[in-house]
């Protein structure tokens, strides 16, 4: 059996059951301008125990097709980053100072 590809990336979504979306960042040098160009590719990976949280750095490897878009699985959690959760957006109209004088 041949060698399977291994990538290291950051978990950007874990909303699906037993699936995480991992963003893998690569840098290539532009042949003309000699500047580093950043490319981000997202992979859907199988997370058997739902252990991964948003912000974790994980190692993923190729595997057989598990679903329509899922062809990778999580090997290990390299480091546990901060769990980034967006703050809920609330709009409170009663305390808005621009509408009080009307």
Protein backbone atom coordinates (compact mmCIF):
# COMPACT_ATOMS: atom_id res chain seq x y z
CA UNK A 1 0.00 0.00 0.00
CA UNK A 2 1.32 3.43 -0.90
CA UNK A 3 2.03 6.29 1.42
CA UNK A 4 -0.95 8.40 2.39
CA UNK A 5 -0.80 12.18 2.42
CA UNK A 6 -0.69 13.86 5.82
CA UNK A 7 -1.62 17.51 6.43
CA UNK A 8 -1.61 19.74 9.51
CA UNK A 9 -4.31 22.38 9.77
CA UNK A 10 -6.69 24.24 12.04
CA UNK A 11 -10.28 23.23 12.78
CA UNK A 12 -12.63 25.96 11.53
CA UNK A 13 -15.97 24.17 12.01
CA UNK A 14 -17.25 21.26 14.08
CA UNK A 15 -21.01 21.68 13.68
CA UNK A 16 -21.52 18.37 11.87
CA UNK A 17 -21.71 15.05 13.69
CA UNK A 18 -18.35 13.20 13.58
CA UNK A 19 -17.04 15.64 10.96
CA UNK A 20 -14.76 18.66 11.20
CA UNK A 21 -13.68 21.17 8.58
CA UNK A 22 -9.90 21.67 8.65
CA UNK A 23 -8.22 24.65 6.95
CA UNK A 24 -4.73 23.80 5.70
CA UNK A 25 -2.53 26.78 4.86
CA UNK A 26 0.29 26.51 2.30
CA UNK A 27 2.73 29.09 0.96
CA UNK A 28 4.14 29.20 -2.55
CA UNK A 29 6.53 31.68 -4.09
CA UNK A 30 5.19 33.55 -7.11
CA UNK A 31 7.48 32.78 -10.06
CA UNK A 32 7.48 36.33 -11.40
CA UNK A 33 7.26 38.60 -8.36
CA UNK A 34 9.03 36.30 -5.85
CA UNK A 35 6.46 37.01 -3.15
CA UNK A 36 5.01 34.35 -0.88
CA UNK A 37 1.39 33.67 -1.76
CA UNK A 38 -0.80 32.12 0.93
CA UNK A 39 -3.32 29.51 -0.11
CA UNK A 40 -5.93 28.04 2.22
CA UNK A 41 -7.63 24.78 1.35
CA UNK A 42 -10.47 23.31 3.43
CA UNK A 43 -10.89 19.58 3.96
CA UNK A 44 -13.74 17.70 5.62
CA UNK A 45 -12.28 15.11 7.98
CA UNK A 46 -13.80 12.30 10.02
CA UNK A 47 -13.62 12.88 13.80
CA UNK A 48 -14.67 9.56 15.32
CA UNK A 49 -15.23 10.71 18.91
CA UNK A 50 -16.24 14.36 18.29
CA UNK A 51 -13.13 15.46 20.23
CA UNK A 52 -12.04 18.39 18.05
CA UNK A 53 -13.12 21.94 18.83
CA UNK A 54 -12.81 25.10 16.75
CA UNK A 55 -9.25 26.42 16.95
CA UNK A 56 -7.53 23.07 17.55
CA UNK A 57 -4.52 22.25 15.39
CA UNK A 58 -4.92 18.70 14.04
CA UNK A 59 -3.11 16.23 11.84
CA UNK A 60 -5.26 14.65 9.12
CA UNK A 61 -4.56 11.82 6.68
CA UNK A 62 -6.09 10.54 3.46
CA UNK A 63 -8.57 7.69 3.64
CA UNK A 64 -11.16 5.96 1.49
CA UNK A 65 -14.27 8.00 0.63
CA UNK A 66 -16.48 8.17 3.72
CA UNK A 67 -19.19 10.40 2.23
CA UNK A 68 -19.72 12.71 -0.72
CA UNK A 69 -16.98 15.19 0.31
CA UNK A 70 -15.23 13.47 3.23
CA UNK A 71 -11.96 11.77 2.25
CA UNK A 72 -9.77 12.58 5.26
CA UNK A 73 -9.71 11.50 8.91
CA UNK A 74 -8.21 13.07 12.02
CA UNK A 75 -5.06 11.29 13.18
CA UNK A 76 -4.32 13.32 16.29
CA UNK A 77 -4.77 16.68 17.97
CA UNK A 78 -1.43 18.48 17.73
CA UNK A 79 -2.35 21.38 20.01
CA UNK A 80 -5.48 22.67 21.64
CA UNK A 81 -5.97 26.29 20.68
CA UNK A 82 -8.51 28.72 22.01
CA UNK A 83 -12.11 27.75 21.46
CA UNK A 84 -13.34 30.69 19.40
CA UNK A 85 -17.07 31.20 19.74
CA UNK A 86 -18.72 34.26 18.23
CA UNK A 87 -20.62 36.53 20.59
CA UNK A 88 -24.38 36.54 20.10
CA UNK A 89 -25.59 39.60 18.25
CA UNK A 90 -28.31 41.37 20.17
CA UNK A 91 -30.16 44.45 19.05
CA UNK A 92 -31.85 46.23 21.91
CA UNK A 93 -34.04 48.99 20.47
CA UNK A 94 -35.12 50.35 23.87
CA UNK A 95 -31.63 51.56 24.86
CA UNK A 96 -30.79 53.13 21.50
CA UNK A 97 -30.00 56.84 22.17
CA UNK A 98 -30.76 57.91 18.59
CA UNK A 99 -34.45 56.97 18.81
CA UNK A 100 -35.21 58.43 22.28
CA UNK A 101 -35.76 62.04 21.18
CA UNK A 102 -38.32 61.27 18.50
